[in-house]
PDB file of N, CA and C in Angstrom:
ATOM      1  N   MET A   1     -51.048  66.391  26.743  1.00  0.00           N
ATOM      2  CA  MET A   1     -50.196  66.982  25.753  1.00  0.00           C
ATOM      3  C   MET A   1     -50.481  68.485  25.683  1.00  0.00           C
ATOM      4  N   LYS A   2     -49.438  69.287  25.792  1.00  0.00           N
ATOM      5  CA  LYS A   2     -49.584  70.733  25.721  1.00  0.00           C
ATOM      6  C   LYS A   2     -49.744  71.160  24.267  1.00  0.00           C
ATOM      7  N   ARG A   3     -50.584  72.177  24.057  1.00  0.00           N
ATOM      8  CA  ARG A   3     -50.793  72.705  22.718  1.00  0.00           C
ATOM      9  C   ARG A   3     -50.460  74.179  22.709  1.00  0.00           C
ATOM     10  N   LEU A   4     -49.960  74.641  21.598  1.00  0.00           N
ATOM     11  CA  LEU A   4     -49.598  76.046  21.445  1.00  0.00           C
ATOM     12  C   LEU A   4     -50.783  76.824  20.884  1.00  0.00           C
ATOM     13  N   PHE A   5     -51.191  77.852  21.626  1.00  0.00           N
ATOM     14  CA  PHE A   5     -52.255  78.751  21.212  1.00  0.00           C
ATOM     15  C   PHE A   5     -51.794  80.182  21.411  1.00  0.00           C
ATOM     16  N   ARG A   6     -52.403  81.114  20.683  1.00  0.00           N
ATOM     17  CA  ARG A   6     -52.219  82.527  20.987  1.00  0.00           C
ATOM     18  C   ARG A   6     -53.069  82.836  22.212  1.00  0.00           C
ATOM     19  N   SER A   7     -52.504  83.537  23.147  1.00  0.00           N
ATOM     20  CA  SER A   7     -53.179  83.788  24.417  1.00  0.00           C
ATOM     21  C   SER A   7     -54.298  84.816  24.269  1.00  0.00           C
ATOM     22  N   ARG A   8     -55.418  84.550  24.932  1.00  0.00           N
ATOM     23  CA  ARG A   8     -56.510  85.526  24.998  1.00  0.00           C
ATOM     24  C   ARG A   8     -56.329  86.459  26.198  1.00  0.00           C
ATOM     25  N   THR A   9     -55.705  85.975  27.259  1.00  0.00           N
ATOM     26  CA  THR A   9     -55.602  86.753  28.494  1.00  0.00           C
ATOM     27  C   THR A   9     -54.310  87.551  28.585  1.00  0.00           C
ATOM     28  N   ASP A  10     -53.216  87.037  28.044  1.00  0.00           N
ATOM     29  CA  ASP A  10     -51.912  87.699  28.128  1.00  0.00           C
ATOM     30  C   ASP A  10     -51.513  88.164  26.733  1.00  0.00           C
ATOM     31  N   SER A  11     -52.250  89.137  26.221  1.00  0.00           N
ATOM     32  CA  SER A  11     -52.069  89.572  24.842  1.00  0.00           C
ATOM     33  C   SER A  11     -51.803  91.066  24.786  1.00  0.00           C
ATOM     34  N   LYS A  12     -50.783  91.457  24.031  1.00  0.00           N
ATOM     35  CA  LYS A  12     -50.513  92.876  23.779  1.00  0.00           C
ATOM     36  C   LYS A  12     -50.852  93.234  22.339  1.00  0.00           C
ATOM     37  N   LEU A  13     -50.384  92.435  21.386  1.00  0.00           N
ATOM     38  CA  LEU A  13     -50.725  92.665  19.980  1.00  0.00           C
ATOM     39  C   LEU A  13     -51.631  91.549  19.465  1.00  0.00           C
ATOM     40  N   ALA A  14     -51.036  90.374  19.294  1.00  0.00           N
ATOM     41  CA  ALA A  14     -51.810  89.249  18.751  1.00  0.00           C
ATOM     42  C   ALA A  14     -51.842  88.056  19.698  1.00  0.00           C
ATOM     43  N   GLY A  15     -51.147  88.140  20.813  1.00  0.00           N
ATOM     44  CA  GLY A  15     -51.136  87.047  21.779  1.00  0.00           C
ATOM     45  C   GLY A  15     -50.081  85.989  21.529  1.00  0.00           C
ATOM     46  N   VAL A  16     -49.173  86.244  20.569  1.00  0.00           N
ATOM     47  CA  VAL A  16     -48.163  85.251  20.222  1.00  0.00           C
ATOM     48  C   VAL A  16     -47.167  85.061  21.369  1.00  0.00           C
ATOM     49  N   CYS A  17     -46.614  86.133  21.881  1.00  0.00           N
ATOM     50  CA  CYS A  17     -45.645  86.012  22.980  1.00  0.00           C
ATOM     51  C   CYS A  17     -46.303  85.436  24.236  1.00  0.00           C
ATOM     52  N   GLY A  18     -47.520  85.845  24.521  1.00  0.00           N
ATOM     53  CA  GLY A  18     -48.242  85.292  25.667  1.00  0.00           C
ATOM     54  C   GLY A  18     -48.489  83.806  25.508  1.00  0.00           C
ATOM     55  N   GLY A  19     -48.824  83.374  24.301  1.00  0.00           N
ATOM     56  CA  GLY A  19     -49.036  81.951  24.039  1.00  0.00           C
ATOM     57  C   GLY A  19     -47.762  81.141  24.163  1.00  0.00           C
ATOM     58  N   PHE A  20     -46.664  81.664  23.593  1.00  0.00           N
ATOM     59  CA  PHE A  20     -45.382  80.976  23.730  1.00  0.00           C
ATOM     60  C   PHE A  20     -44.944  80.920  25.188  1.00  0.00           C
ATOM     61  N   ALA A  21     -45.193  81.985  25.932  1.00  0.00           N
ATOM     62  CA  ALA A  21     -44.820  82.006  27.346  1.00  0.00           C
ATOM     63  C   ALA A  21     -45.585  80.949  28.133  1.00  0.00           C
ATOM     64  N   GLN A  22     -46.878  80.814  27.872  1.00  0.00           N
ATOM     65  CA  GLN A  22     -47.661  79.777  28.544  1.00  0.00           C
ATOM     66  C   GLN A  22     -47.164  78.396  28.152  1.00  0.00           C
ATOM     67  N   TYR A  23     -46.846  78.214  26.886  1.00  0.00           N
ATOM     68  CA  TYR A  23     -46.409  76.915  26.381  1.00  0.00           C
ATOM     69  C   TYR A  23     -45.051  76.512  26.965  1.00  0.00           C
ATOM     70  N   LEU A  24     -44.123  77.485  27.054  1.00  0.00           N
ATOM     71  CA  LEU A  24     -42.774  77.200  27.533  1.00  0.00           C
ATOM     72  C   LEU A  24     -42.614  77.358  29.036  1.00  0.00           C
ATOM     73  N   GLY A  25     -43.575  77.991  29.699  1.00  0.00           N
ATOM     74  CA  GLY A  25     -43.492  78.190  31.137  1.00  0.00           C
ATOM     75  C   GLY A  25     -42.624  79.377  31.532  1.00  0.00           C
ATOM     76  N   PHE A  26     -42.499  80.356  30.646  1.00  0.00           N
ATOM     77  CA  PHE A  26     -41.721  81.563  30.905  1.00  0.00           C
ATOM     78  C   PHE A  26     -42.647  82.722  31.208  1.00  0.00           C
ATOM     79  N   ASP A  27     -42.041  83.828  31.635  1.00  0.00           N
ATOM     80  CA  ASP A  27     -42.780  85.071  31.799  1.00  0.00           C
ATOM     81  C   ASP A  27     -42.892  85.733  30.430  1.00  0.00           C
ATOM     82  N   ALA A  28     -44.071  86.189  30.072  1.00  0.00           N
ATOM     83  CA  ALA A  28     -44.296  86.778  28.752  1.00  0.00           C
ATOM     84  C   ALA A  28     -43.496  88.060  28.556  1.00  0.00           C
ATOM     85  N   THR A  29     -43.242  88.795  29.623  1.00  0.00           N
ATOM     86  CA  THR A  29     -42.476  90.034  29.505  1.00  0.00           C
ATOM     87  C   THR A  29     -41.059  89.754  29.026  1.00  0.00           C
ATOM     88  N   ILE A  30     -40.457  88.680  29.504  1.00  0.00           N
ATOM     89  CA  ILE A  30     -39.109  88.312  29.074  1.00  0.00           C
ATOM     90  C   ILE A  30     -39.102  87.986  27.588  1.00  0.00           C
ATOM     91  N   LEU A  31     -40.081  87.244  27.135  1.00  0.00           N
ATOM     92  CA  LEU A  31     -40.159  86.919  25.708  1.00  0.00           C
ATOM     93  C   LEU A  31     -40.401  88.165  24.863  1.00  0.00           C
ATOM     94  N   ARG A  32     -41.223  89.076  25.347  1.00  0.00           N
ATOM     95  CA  ARG A  32     -41.472  90.313  24.599  1.00  0.00           C
ATOM     96  C   ARG A  32     -40.207  91.161  24.500  1.00  0.00           C
ATOM     97  N   LEU A  33     -39.463  91.265  25.588  1.00  0.00           N
ATOM     98  CA  LEU A  33     -38.211  92.023  25.548  1.00  0.00           C
ATOM     99  C   LEU A  33     -37.191  91.365  24.615  1.00  0.00           C
ATOM    100  N   ALA A  34     -37.122  90.038  24.649  1.00  0.00           N
ATOM    101  CA  ALA A  34     -36.221  89.325  23.748  1.00  0.00           C
ATOM    102  C   ALA A  34     -36.631  89.536  22.296  1.00  0.00           C
ATOM    103  N   LEU A  35     -37.918  89.576  22.028  1.00  0.00           N
ATOM    104  CA  LEU A  35     -38.407  89.822  20.677  1.00  0.00           C
ATOM    105  C   LEU A  35     -38.022  91.218  20.197  1.00  0.00           C
ATOM    106  N   ILE A  36     -38.145  92.210  21.056  1.00  0.00           N
ATOM    107  CA  ILE A  36     -37.793  93.587  20.692  1.00  0.00           C
ATOM    108  C   ILE A  36     -36.303  93.707  20.401  1.00  0.00           C
ATOM    109  N   VAL A  37     -35.479  93.141  21.275  1.00  0.00           N
ATOM    110  CA  VAL A  37     -34.024  93.197  21.077  1.00  0.00           C
ATOM    111  C   VAL A  37     -33.630  92.465  19.794  1.00  0.00           C
ATOM    112  N   THR A  38     -34.216  91.305  19.575  1.00  0.00           N
ATOM    113  CA  THR A  38     -33.925  90.541  18.364  1.00  0.00           C
ATOM    114  C   THR A  38     -34.397  91.292  17.123  1.00  0.00           C
ATOM    115  N   ALA A  39     -35.525  91.961  17.204  1.00  0.00           N
ATOM    116  CA  ALA A  39     -36.032  92.735  16.065  1.00  0.00           C
ATOM    117  C   ALA A  39     -35.092  93.885  15.724  1.00  0.00           C
ATOM    118  N   LEU A  40     -34.515  94.507  16.737  1.00  0.00           N
ATOM    119  CA  LEU A  40     -33.578  95.600  16.484  1.00  0.00           C
ATOM    120  C   LEU A  40     -32.317  95.105  15.780  1.00  0.00           C
ATOM    121  N   PHE A  41     -31.797  93.955  16.197  1.00  0.00           N
ATOM    122  CA  PHE A  41     -30.562  93.435  15.615  1.00  0.00           C
ATOM    123  C   PHE A  41     -30.785  92.723  14.280  1.00  0.00           C
ATOM    124  N   SER A  42     -32.011  92.342  13.983  1.00  0.00           N
ATOM    125  CA  SER A  42     -32.280  91.658  12.718  1.00  0.00           C
ATOM    126  C   SER A  42     -32.945  92.604  11.709  1.00  0.00           C
ATOM    127  N   PHE A  43     -32.926  93.891  12.017  1.00  0.00           N
ATOM    128  CA  PHE A  43     -33.504  94.910  11.138  1.00  0.00           C
ATOM    129  C   PHE A  43     -34.979  94.654  10.850  1.00  0.00           C
ATOM    130  N   GLY A  44     -35.684  94.119  11.826  1.00  0.00           N
ATOM    131  CA  GLY A  44     -37.126  93.949  11.727  1.00  0.00           C
ATOM    132  C   GLY A  44     -37.608  92.663  11.087  1.00  0.00           C
ATOM    133  N   SER A  45     -36.702  91.797  10.650  1.00  0.00           N
ATOM    134  CA  SER A  45     -37.152  90.563   9.991  1.00  0.00           C
ATOM    135  C   SER A  45     -37.886  89.633  10.958  1.00  0.00           C
ATOM    136  N   VAL A  46     -37.613  89.761  12.241  1.00  0.00           N
ATOM    137  CA  VAL A  46     -38.308  88.947  13.240  1.00  0.00           C
ATOM    138  C   VAL A  46     -39.787  89.330  13.282  1.00  0.00           C
ATOM    139  N   LEU A  47     -40.089  90.563  12.955  1.00  0.00           N
ATOM    140  CA  LEU A  47     -41.483  90.995  12.953  1.00  0.00           C
ATOM    141  C   LEU A  47     -42.289  90.273  11.870  1.00  0.00           C
ATOM    142  N   LEU A  48     -41.648  89.901  10.778  1.00  0.00           N
ATOM    143  CA  LEU A  48     -42.319  89.091   9.765  1.00  0.00           C
ATOM    144  C   LEU A  48     -42.639  87.704  10.303  1.00  0.00           C
ATOM    145  N   VAL A  49     -41.725  87.137  11.062  1.00  0.00           N
ATOM    146  CA  VAL A  49     -41.959  85.829  11.685  1.00  0.00           C
ATOM    147  C   VAL A  49     -43.090  85.937  12.701  1.00  0.00           C
ATOM    148  N   TYR A  50     -43.121  87.034  13.454  1.00  0.00           N
ATOM    149  CA  TYR A  50     -44.193  87.267  14.424  1.00  0.00           C
ATOM    150  C   TYR A  50     -45.542  87.347  13.708  1.00  0.00           C
ATOM    151  N   ALA A  51     -45.586  88.089  12.600  1.00  0.00           N
ATOM    152  CA  ALA A  51     -46.839  88.223  11.846  1.00  0.00           C
ATOM    153  C   ALA A  51     -47.278  86.875  11.283  1.00  0.00           C
ATOM    154  N   LEU A  52     -46.351  86.093  10.802  1.00  0.00           N
ATOM    155  CA  LEU A  52     -46.668  84.761  10.287  1.00  0.00           C
ATOM    156  C   LEU A  52     -47.206  83.873  11.412  1.00  0.00           C
ATOM    157  N   ALA A  53     -46.570  83.946  12.584  1.00  0.00           N
ATOM    158  CA  ALA A  53     -47.035  83.160  13.728  1.00  0.00           C
ATOM    159  C   ALA A  53     -48.437  83.596  14.157  1.00  0.00           C
ATOM    160  N   ALA A  54     -48.720  84.881  14.064  1.00  0.00           N
ATOM    161  CA  ALA A  54     -50.047  85.377  14.433  1.00  0.00           C
ATOM    162  C   ALA A  54     -51.121  84.839  13.496  1.00  0.00           C
ATOM    163  N   VAL A  55     -50.748  84.556  12.263  1.00  0.00           N
ATOM    164  CA  VAL A  55     -51.701  84.016  11.303  1.00  0.00           C
ATOM    165  C   VAL A  55     -51.847  82.507  11.452  1.00  0.00           C
ATOM    166  N   VAL A  56     -50.731  81.812  11.707  1.00  0.00           N
ATOM    167  CA  VAL A  56     -50.715  80.347  11.707  1.00  0.00           C
ATOM    168  C   VAL A  56     -51.182  79.740  13.026  1.00  0.00           C
ATOM    169  N   ILE A  57     -50.760  80.310  14.147  1.00  0.00           N
ATOM    170  CA  ILE A  57     -51.093  79.749  15.459  1.00  0.00           C
ATOM    171  C   ILE A  57     -52.544  80.082  15.797  1.00  0.00           C
ATOM    172  N   PRO A  58     -53.353  79.083  16.162  1.00  0.00           N
ATOM    173  CA  PRO A  58     -54.765  79.361  16.461  1.00  0.00           C
ATOM    174  C   PRO A  58     -54.936  80.099  17.789  1.00  0.00           C
ATOM    175  N   LYS A  59     -56.032  80.836  17.875  1.00  0.00           N
ATOM    176  CA  LYS A  59     -56.380  81.553  19.101  1.00  0.00           C
ATOM    177  C   LYS A  59     -56.812  80.550  20.165  1.00  0.00           C
ATOM    178  N   GLU A  60     -56.475  80.830  21.401  1.00  0.00           N
ATOM    179  CA  GLU A  60     -56.864  79.975  22.522  1.00  0.00           C
ATOM    180  C   GLU A  60     -58.388  79.877  22.585  1.00  0.00           C
ATOM    181  N   PRO A  61     -58.938  78.662  22.730  1.00  0.00           N
ATOM    182  CA  PRO A  61     -60.396  78.537  22.775  1.00  0.00           C
ATOM    183  C   PRO A  61     -60.983  79.210  24.017  1.00  0.00           C
ATOM    184  N   GLU A  62     -62.188  79.748  23.853  1.00  0.00           N
ATOM    185  CA  GLU A  62     -62.871  80.367  24.986  1.00  0.00           C
ATOM    186  C   GLU A  62     -63.479  79.281  25.857  1.00  0.00           C
ATOM    187  N   MET A  63     -63.348  79.432  27.158  1.00  0.00           N
ATOM    188  CA  MET A  63     -63.927  78.487  28.111  1.00  0.00           C
ATOM    189  C   MET A  63     -65.243  79.066  28.614  1.00  0.00           C
ATOM    190  N   THR A  64     -66.334  78.404  28.250  1.00  0.00           N
ATOM    191  CA  THR A  64     -67.640  78.929  28.642  1.00  0.00           C
ATOM    192  C   THR A  64     -68.299  78.117  29.747  1.00  0.00           C
ATOM    193  N   GLY A  65     -67.822  76.922  29.988  1.00  0.00           N
ATOM    194  CA  GLY A  65     -68.449  76.103  31.014  1.00  0.00           C
ATOM    195  C   GLY A  65     -67.570  74.928  31.405  1.00  0.00           C
ATOM    196  N   PHE A  66     -68.096  74.094  32.263  1.00  0.00           N
ATOM    197  CA  PHE A  66     -67.340  72.952  32.775  1.00  0.00           C
ATOM    198  C   PHE A  66     -66.969  71.987  31.662  1.00  0.00           C
ATOM    199  N   TYR A  67     -67.888  71.714  30.756  1.00  0.00           N
ATOM    200  CA  TYR A  67     -67.628  70.763  29.671  1.00  0.00           C
ATOM    201  C   TYR A  67     -66.475  71.247  28.784  1.00  0.00           C
ATOM    202  N   ASP A  68     -66.462  72.533  28.444  1.00  0.00           N
ATOM    203  CA  ASP A  68     -65.385  73.082  27.631  1.00  0.00           C
ATOM    204  C   ASP A  68     -64.045  72.975  28.347  1.00  0.00           C
ATOM    205  N   GLU A  69     -64.056  73.279  29.631  1.00  0.00           N
ATOM    206  CA  GLU A  69     -62.835  73.202  30.439  1.00  0.00           C
ATOM    207  C   GLU A  69     -62.316  71.776  30.493  1.00  0.00           C
ATOM    208  N   ALA A  70     -63.198  70.798  30.685  1.00  0.00           N
ATOM    209  CA  ALA A  70     -62.795  69.401  30.769  1.00  0.00           C
ATOM    210  C   ALA A  70     -62.258  68.911  29.433  1.00  0.00           C
ATOM    211  N   MET A  71     -62.874  69.297  28.329  1.00  0.00           N
ATOM    212  CA  MET A  71     -62.410  68.865  27.008  1.00  0.00           C
ATOM    213  C   MET A  71     -61.076  69.515  26.645  1.00  0.00           C
ATOM    214  N   TYR A  72     -60.851  70.749  27.074  1.00  0.00           N
ATOM    215  CA  TYR A  72     -59.609  71.459  26.782  1.00  0.00           C
ATOM    216  C   TYR A  72     -58.443  70.774  27.473  1.00  0.00           C
ATOM    217  N   HIS A  73     -58.609  70.385  28.733  1.00  0.00           N
ATOM    218  CA  HIS A  73     -57.523  69.784  29.507  1.00  0.00           C
ATOM    219  C   HIS A  73     -57.398  68.298  29.249  1.00  0.00           C
ATOM    220  N   ARG A  74     -58.297  67.741  28.484  1.00  0.00           N
ATOM    221  CA  ARG A  74     -58.257  66.309  28.211  1.00  0.00           C
ATOM    222  C   ARG A  74     -57.080  65.947  27.312  1.00  0.00           C
ATOM    223  N   PHE A  75     -56.750  66.816  26.369  1.00  0.00           N
ATOM    224  CA  PHE A  75     -55.709  66.490  25.383  1.00  0.00           C
ATOM    225  C   PHE A  75     -54.415  67.059  25.759  1.00  0.00           C
TER     226      PHE A  75
END
């Protein structure tokens, strides 16, 4: 089962777009550009949703060894 996390490796601000890109299988740059365009047309209200997502979505766990890697991919 795939889980949604904020990305540690593909992060520009809070890792939200990078996390969604990993979860959906898209390129993070496309999602970031879509977010910018949507923010312009929604007068910035999308940025509030982004900030809320940055608070609610957990950060991707750090992988320190084989056991952590195996437990992460188990679920």
